Amino acid sequence: MTNTPNIKFATDLVTFYDPQFWGMSGRMDALRSLFTTGGWEPRRFWEHILKSSKAAGLDGIEITFPPGDWHSAQRAFGSAAGFAQALQEHDLELCSGYFSNRIPDTDRYADFADPADHGHLLDMASGYAEFLSACNSDVLLVSLPLRASRDATPPLFVDLKIAEPIADIINRMAAATMQHGVKLALHPEAFSMFRNSRDVDLFMLLTDPTYVFLCPDTAQFTVAGSDPLAITQRHKDRLVITHWKDSTGPAPTDVPIDETIYDRQIQWFAPVGEGVVDWPGWLRLLRDLNYQGWAVLELDAAPNPVEDLQRIRTYIERALSHIYQ
């Protein structure tokens, strides 16, 4: 266990998504062929993930989009119960799951703003929550759609008109996951409709606090130009899990936003302790809030994830753990 028993440490599996870690080349999207031409089958993939996570000194993992998603975990171990047993054998927990809106067995992504896709989203969230619950996890993270570039024609305004139908399906998804004992938490992305302090205020207002919660991400808010500590303090009653990542600072406001932004945004991210995030202040805030839960350490596609995570854990133990024991 860690030196900060109030906080348990995990990582989002995107940390392991550098193709080099799997003996491949290219960018992250090369992992789409990991189970076909990449030479890995699901069971071997997951055993490598679990062993590496434990070697990194973690208490748990957060599953995410493919290949480290709940569908492949279920295929690898036969059932949610089988995956839960594998976690237990490696002395790990499943802290949470990150929601992908890609419709299973298709290349299409369900649109939060399109009522025609809301049935897909409800089914996907409910199935995911059932899996998480069977693995003793109770948090499902959801991110909102991307914004458009600032110079888009016509411009896309993230206002009440566009936010209301999205908030409606988020409420309904959250009610569905709650049927399985799983809390749905909104997670920021630096170029999405849920990126900064105003966006958080808007969607926290439009969603029901009985059902919808918040996962602050220190880097995503910083890249968007907002203060993650101030946002978390303001919405402390919605806090259920935290993502820890550093940032080099805010991104320019005129960054083009398209399907490549998730690869390009990595340039503004950094490992914990190597950027501008106020980590002592962050720990003091969590202490003052009496936060007891998960810190999900995230590195986007690290070539040497085990070593990088070990280094972050060492930094936290030496520089921060005395603040919040």
Protein backbone atom coordinates (compact mmCIF):
# COMPACT_ATOMS: atom_id res chain seq x y z
CA MET A 1 0.00 0.00 0.00
CA THR A 2 0.99 3.64 -0.28
CA ASN A 3 2.28 6.10 2.28
CA THR A 4 -0.95 8.09 1.89
CA PRO A 5 -3.65 5.65 2.99
CA ASN A 6 -6.44 8.13 2.31
CA ILE A 7 -5.48 8.01 -1.36
CA LYS A 8 -5.02 4.92 -3.50
CA PHE A 9 -3.10 5.15 -6.76
CA ALA A 10 -4.08 3.82 -10.16
CA THR A 11 -3.41 4.60 -13.80
CA ASP A 12 -5.62 4.92 -16.83
CA LEU A 13 -4.59 2.26 -19.31
CA VAL A 14 -3.89 4.88 -21.98
CA THR A 15 -0.59 5.15 -20.09
CA PHE A 16 0.37 1.83 -21.70
CA TYR A 17 -0.74 2.78 -25.21
CA ASP A 18 2.60 3.62 -26.80
CA PRO A 19 3.06 1.01 -29.54
CA GLN A 20 6.73 0.65 -28.54
CA PHE A 21 5.62 -0.90 -25.25
CA TRP A 22 3.99 -3.67 -27.31
CA GLY A 23 6.84 -4.17 -29.75
CA MET A 24 5.11 -2.18 -32.48
CA SER A 25 5.80 1.10 -34.25
CA GLY A 26 3.76 4.09 -35.28
CA ARG A 27 1.22 6.18 -33.40
CA MET A 28 -1.37 5.14 -30.85
CA ASP A 29 -3.89 4.13 -33.51
CA ALA A 30 -1.51 1.30 -34.48
CA LEU A 31 -2.87 -0.56 -31.43
CA ARG A 32 -6.11 -1.17 -33.31
CA SER A 33 -4.34 -4.12 -34.93
CA LEU A 34 -2.79 -5.40 -31.69
CA PHE A 35 -5.10 -8.43 -31.49
CA THR A 36 -5.03 -9.18 -35.23
CA THR A 37 -1.64 -8.56 -36.83
CA GLY A 38 0.12 -7.26 -33.72
CA GLY A 39 0.85 -10.68 -32.29
CA TRP A 40 -1.07 -10.26 -29.03
CA GLU A 41 -4.22 -12.02 -27.90
CA PRO A 42 -6.48 -10.56 -25.19
CA ARG A 43 -5.39 -12.80 -22.30
CA ARG A 44 -1.70 -12.16 -22.89
CA PHE A 45 -2.36 -8.42 -23.31
CA TRP A 46 -4.18 -8.20 -19.99
CA GLU A 47 -1.62 -10.26 -18.09
CA HIS A 48 1.06 -7.84 -19.31
CA ILE A 49 -1.05 -4.87 -18.22
CA LEU A 50 -1.72 -6.29 -14.76
CA LYS A 51 1.87 -7.34 -14.10
CA SER A 52 3.17 -3.97 -15.29
CA SER A 53 0.69 -2.05 -13.15
CA LYS A 54 1.73 -3.96 -10.05
CA ALA A 55 5.41 -3.52 -10.89
CA ALA A 56 4.77 0.23 -11.09
CA GLY A 57 3.62 0.21 -7.46
CA LEU A 58 -0.04 0.86 -8.15
CA ASP A 59 -3.12 -0.16 -6.20
CA GLY A 60 -5.44 -0.33 -9.19
CA ILE A 61 -6.22 0.46 -12.81
CA GLU A 62 -8.78 2.39 -14.82
CA ILE A 63 -9.95 0.61 -17.95
CA THR A 64 -10.55 2.73 -21.01
CA PHE A 65 -11.09 2.58 -24.77
CA PRO A 66 -9.78 -0.39 -26.84
CA PRO A 67 -7.68 -2.40 -26.59
CA GLY A 68 -7.82 -2.02 -22.78
CA ASP A 69 -11.60 -1.88 -22.62
CA TRP A 70 -14.17 -3.92 -20.75
CA HIS A 71 -15.12 -5.96 -23.79
CA SER A 72 -11.58 -7.26 -24.30
CA ALA A 73 -11.24 -7.91 -20.55
CA GLN A 74 -14.40 -9.99 -20.67
CA ARG A 75 -13.14 -11.90 -23.71
CA ALA A 76 -9.77 -12.51 -22.09
CA PHE A 77 -11.12 -13.91 -18.82
CA GLY A 78 -14.49 -15.24 -19.89
CA SER A 79 -16.60 -12.97 -17.70
CA ALA A 80 -16.52 -9.98 -15.39
CA ALA A 81 -16.04 -12.40 -12.50
CA GLY A 82 -13.03 -13.89 -14.26
CA PHE A 83 -11.49 -10.46 -14.72
CA ALA A 84 -12.20 -9.59 -11.08
CA GLN A 85 -10.40 -12.76 -10.05
CA ALA A 86 -7.39 -11.84 -12.20
CA LEU A 87 -7.25 -8.42 -10.57
CA GLN A 88 -7.35 -10.02 -7.13
CA GLU A 89 -4.56 -12.43 -8.05
CA HIS A 90 -2.37 -9.44 -8.94
CA ASP A 91 -3.40 -7.56 -5.77
CA LEU A 92 -5.05 -4.83 -7.83
CA GLU A 93 -8.45 -3.16 -7.86
CA LEU A 94 -10.53 -1.75 -10.68
CA CYS A 95 -11.01 1.86 -9.64
CA SER A 96 -13.10 3.06 -12.58
CA GLY A 97 -13.88 2.80 -16.25
CA TYR A 98 -13.59 5.44 -18.97
CA PHE A 99 -16.50 5.48 -21.40
CA SER A 100 -15.95 5.21 -25.15
CA ASN A 101 -18.90 6.28 -27.28
CA ARG A 102 -17.80 4.06 -30.14
CA ILE A 103 -20.72 1.75 -30.90
CA PRO A 104 -19.53 -1.87 -30.44
CA ASP A 105 -18.66 -3.80 -33.61
CA THR A 106 -18.81 -0.64 -35.72
CA ASP A 107 -16.56 2.27 -36.65
CA ARG A 108 -19.24 4.78 -35.70
CA TYR A 109 -19.34 6.91 -32.58
CA ALA A 110 -22.66 7.68 -30.90
CA ASP A 111 -23.46 11.39 -30.88
CA PHE A 112 -24.42 12.83 -27.49
CA ALA A 113 -26.26 15.67 -29.23
CA ASP A 114 -28.34 13.40 -31.50
CA PRO A 115 -31.47 11.93 -29.88
CA ALA A 116 -31.35 9.10 -32.43
CA ASP A 117 -28.16 7.85 -30.75
CA HIS A 118 -29.36 8.16 -27.17
CA GLY A 119 -30.61 4.58 -27.10
CA HIS A 120 -27.13 3.36 -28.02
CA LEU A 121 -25.57 5.50 -25.30
CA LEU A 122 -27.99 4.24 -22.66
CA ASP A 123 -27.38 0.60 -23.58
CA MET A 124 -23.61 1.07 -23.67
CA ALA A 125 -23.50 2.86 -20.32
CA SER A 126 -25.74 0.29 -18.65
CA GLY A 127 -23.71 -2.66 -19.95
CA TYR A 128 -20.46 -1.03 -18.91
CA ALA A 129 -21.82 -0.26 -15.43
CA GLU A 130 -22.95 -3.84 -14.97
CA PHE A 131 -19.41 -5.01 -15.76
CA LEU A 132 -17.84 -2.45 -13.40
CA SER A 133 -20.17 -3.41 -10.58
CA ALA A 134 -19.30 -7.08 -11.00
CA CYS A 135 -15.64 -6.07 -10.61
CA ASN A 136 -16.35 -4.07 -7.42
CA SER A 137 -15.90 -0.72 -9.14
CA ASP A 138 -18.40 2.10 -8.80
CA VAL A 139 -17.29 4.95 -11.10
CA LEU A 140 -17.83 5.44 -14.84
CA LEU A 141 -16.15 8.46 -16.44
CA VAL A 142 -17.68 10.21 -19.43
CA SER A 143 -16.24 13.01 -21.57
CA LEU A 144 -18.31 15.33 -23.73
CA PRO A 145 -18.00 16.05 -27.48
CA LEU A 146 -15.21 18.14 -28.97
CA ARG A 147 -15.65 21.83 -29.56
CA ALA A 148 -15.09 23.28 -33.02
CA SER A 149 -12.05 25.39 -33.89
CA ARG A 150 -12.36 29.05 -32.98
CA ASP A 151 -12.38 30.04 -36.67
CA ALA A 152 -14.97 27.42 -37.68
CA THR A 153 -17.65 28.58 -40.11
CA PRO A 154 -20.31 28.67 -38.88
CA PRO A 155 -19.06 28.93 -35.30
CA LEU A 156 -20.15 26.35 -32.74
CA PHE A 157 -21.35 28.06 -29.58
CA VAL A 158 -21.39 25.90 -26.45
CA ASP A 159 -24.42 27.59 -24.98
CA LEU A 160 -27.60 26.55 -23.22
CA LYS A 161 -29.23 25.47 -26.48
CA ILE A 162 -26.52 22.94 -27.32
CA ALA A 163 -25.88 21.92 -23.71
CA GLU A 164 -29.43 20.98 -22.73
CA PRO A 165 -29.89 17.84 -24.90
CA ILE A 166 -26.40 16.66 -23.95
CA ALA A 167 -27.11 17.16 -20.26
CA ASP A 168 -30.39 15.29 -20.70
CA ILE A 169 -28.73 12.12 -22.02
CA ILE A 170 -25.99 12.41 -19.38
CA ASN A 171 -28.69 12.49 -16.69
CA ARG A 172 -30.39 9.46 -18.21
CA MET A 173 -27.13 7.54 -18.59
CA ALA A 174 -26.27 8.34 -14.98
CA ALA A 175 -29.64 7.09 -13.77
CA ALA A 176 -29.06 3.87 -15.74
CA THR A 177 -25.58 3.31 -14.28
CA MET A 178 -26.86 4.06 -10.79
CA GLN A 179 -29.14 1.04 -11.15
CA HIS A 180 -25.92 -0.99 -10.93
CA GLY A 181 -24.48 1.07 -8.07
CA VAL A 182 -22.12 2.95 -10.41
CA LYS A 183 -21.72 6.74 -10.33
CA LEU A 184 -21.29 8.56 -13.63
CA ALA A 185 -18.72 11.36 -13.41
CA LEU A 186 -17.98 13.94 -16.09
CA HIS A 187 -14.31 14.11 -17.06
CA PRO A 188 -12.81 17.19 -18.75
CA GLU A 189 -10.95 17.16 -22.03
CA ALA A 190 -8.99 20.29 -22.89
CA PHE A 191 -10.65 20.82 -26.29
CA SER A 192 -14.12 19.52 -25.54
CA MET A 193 -17.38 21.10 -24.45
CA PHE A 194 -16.37 20.29 -20.86
CA ARG A 195 -12.98 21.95 -20.67
CA ASN A 196 -12.89 24.98 -18.38
CA SER A 197 -14.49 26.58 -15.34
CA ARG A 198 -17.47 27.97 -17.24
CA ASP A 199 -18.18 24.63 -18.90
CA VAL A 200 -18.07 22.82 -15.57
CA ASP A 201 -20.43 25.35 -14.02
CA LEU A 202 -22.81 24.97 -16.98
CA PHE A 203 -22.99 21.19 -17.04
CA MET A 204 -22.95 20.80 -13.27
CA LEU A 205 -25.96 23.14 -13.21
CA LEU A 206 -27.81 21.25 -15.96
CA THR A 207 -27.19 17.76 -14.55
CA ASP A 208 -28.76 16.33 -11.43
CA PRO A 209 -26.30 16.09 -8.51
CA THR A 210 -28.12 13.01 -7.29
CA TYR A 211 -26.85 11.15 -10.34
CA VAL A 212 -24.01 13.05 -12.05
CA PHE A 213 -20.61 13.63 -10.46
CA LEU A 214 -17.23 15.16 -11.31
CA CYS A 215 -13.76 13.79 -11.99
CA PRO A 216 -11.35 16.76 -12.06
CA ASP A 217 -8.29 16.29 -14.24
CA THR A 218 -5.50 18.64 -13.20
CA ALA A 219 -3.85 18.74 -16.63
CA GLN A 220 -6.95 19.03 -18.79
CA PHE A 221 -8.24 22.02 -16.84
CA THR A 222 -4.80 23.66 -16.89
CA VAL A 223 -4.36 23.22 -20.65
CA ALA A 224 -7.79 24.82 -21.08
CA GLY A 225 -6.63 27.84 -19.07
CA SER A 226 -8.54 27.15 -15.85
CA ASP A 227 -7.49 26.46 -12.26
CA PRO A 228 -8.17 22.82 -11.31
CA LEU A 229 -8.03 23.63 -7.60
CA ALA A 230 -10.65 26.38 -7.86
CA ILE A 231 -12.98 24.19 -9.93
CA THR A 232 -12.65 21.28 -7.52
CA GLN A 233 -13.24 23.50 -4.50
CA ARG A 234 -16.34 25.02 -6.09
CA HIS A 235 -17.83 21.64 -6.98
CA LYS A 236 -16.48 19.65 -4.05
CA ASP A 237 -19.86 18.04 -3.40
CA ARG A 238 -19.71 16.32 -6.81
CA LEU A 239 -16.17 14.92 -6.39
CA VAL A 240 -15.88 11.11 -6.63
CA ILE A 241 -12.47 10.43 -8.21
CA THR A 242 -9.41 12.44 -9.33
CA HIS A 243 -7.08 12.34 -12.33
CA TRP A 244 -3.53 13.52 -11.68
CA LYS A 245 -1.42 14.75 -14.57
CA ASP A 246 0.81 17.78 -15.02
CA SER A 247 0.82 20.42 -17.74
CA THR A 248 3.30 22.77 -19.34
CA GLY A 249 0.61 25.46 -19.24
CA PRO A 250 -2.42 26.67 -21.20
CA ALA A 251 -2.64 25.89 -24.89
CA PRO A 252 -3.12 28.75 -27.38
CA THR A 253 -6.77 29.66 -27.84
CA ASP A 254 -6.61 29.28 -31.62
CA VAL A 255 -5.48 25.64 -31.73
CA PRO A 256 -7.25 23.87 -34.63
CA ILE A 257 -9.63 21.21 -33.30
CA ASP A 258 -10.21 18.08 -35.36
CA GLU A 259 -9.88 14.31 -34.98
CA THR A 260 -6.09 14.65 -34.50
CA ILE A 261 -6.33 16.87 -31.42
CA TYR A 262 -6.03 13.95 -28.98
CA ASP A 263 -2.59 13.17 -30.39
CA ARG A 264 -1.55 16.83 -30.63
CA GLN A 265 -2.67 17.81 -27.12
CA ILE A 266 -0.01 15.57 -25.59
CA GLN A 267 2.53 18.37 -26.18
CA TRP A 268 0.95 20.31 -23.28
CA PHE A 269 0.96 17.38 -20.84
CA ALA A 270 3.72 16.36 -18.43
CA PRO A 271 4.28 13.80 -15.67
CA VAL A 272 3.23 14.79 -12.16
CA GLY A 273 5.80 17.17 -10.70
CA GLU A 274 7.25 18.30 -14.04
CA GLY A 275 4.85 21.10 -14.97
CA VAL A 276 2.94 24.07 -13.58
CA VAL A 277 0.22 22.36 -11.51
CA ASP A 278 0.33 23.39 -7.84
CA TRP A 279 0.75 19.91 -6.37
CA PRO A 280 1.26 20.96 -2.73
CA GLY A 281 -1.89 23.07 -3.04
CA TRP A 282 -3.72 20.16 -4.64
CA LEU A 283 -2.84 17.84 -1.75
CA ARG A 284 -3.83 20.47 0.80
CA LEU A 285 -7.18 20.87 -0.94
CA LEU A 286 -7.85 17.13 -0.94
CA ARG A 287 -6.83 16.99 2.73
CA ASP A 288 -9.14 19.86 3.64
CA LEU A 289 -11.99 18.20 1.73
CA ASN A 290 -11.25 14.95 3.56
CA TYR A 291 -11.05 13.26 0.18
CA GLN A 292 -10.65 9.52 0.44
CA GLY A 293 -10.43 7.76 -2.87
CA TRP A 294 -8.46 7.28 -6.03
CA ALA A 295 -5.71 9.29 -7.67
CA VAL A 296 -5.49 8.10 -11.27
CA LEU A 297 -2.00 8.87 -12.56
CA GLU A 298 -2.13 9.32 -16.30
CA LEU A 299 0.63 9.43 -18.89
CA ASP A 300 -0.49 9.52 -22.48
CA ALA A 301 1.13 6.60 -24.30
CA ALA A 302 4.43 6.43 -22.41
CA PRO A 303 7.19 4.33 -24.07
CA ASN A 304 8.44 3.25 -20.62
CA PRO A 305 5.29 3.38 -18.49
CA VAL A 306 6.47 1.24 -15.57
CA GLU A 307 9.58 3.33 -14.98
CA ASP A 308 7.67 6.59 -15.48
CA LEU A 309 4.94 5.58 -13.02
CA GLN A 310 7.53 4.47 -10.48
CA ARG A 311 9.23 7.87 -10.77
CA ILE A 312 5.91 9.67 -10.21
CA ARG A 313 5.15 7.51 -7.18
CA THR A 314 8.58 8.32 -5.75
CA TYR A 315 8.00 12.05 -6.26
CA ILE A 316 4.61 11.88 -4.54
CA GLU A 317 5.97 9.91 -1.59
CA ARG A 318 8.97 12.19 -1.08
CA ALA A 319 7.49 15.60 -1.88
CA LEU A 320 3.76 15.38 -1.22
CA SER A 321 2.70 12.51 1.01
CA HIS A 322 3.56 14.41 4.20
CA ILE A 323 0.82 16.92 3.35
CA TYR A 324 -1.98 14.38 3.39
CA GLN A 325 -1.33 11.17 5.30
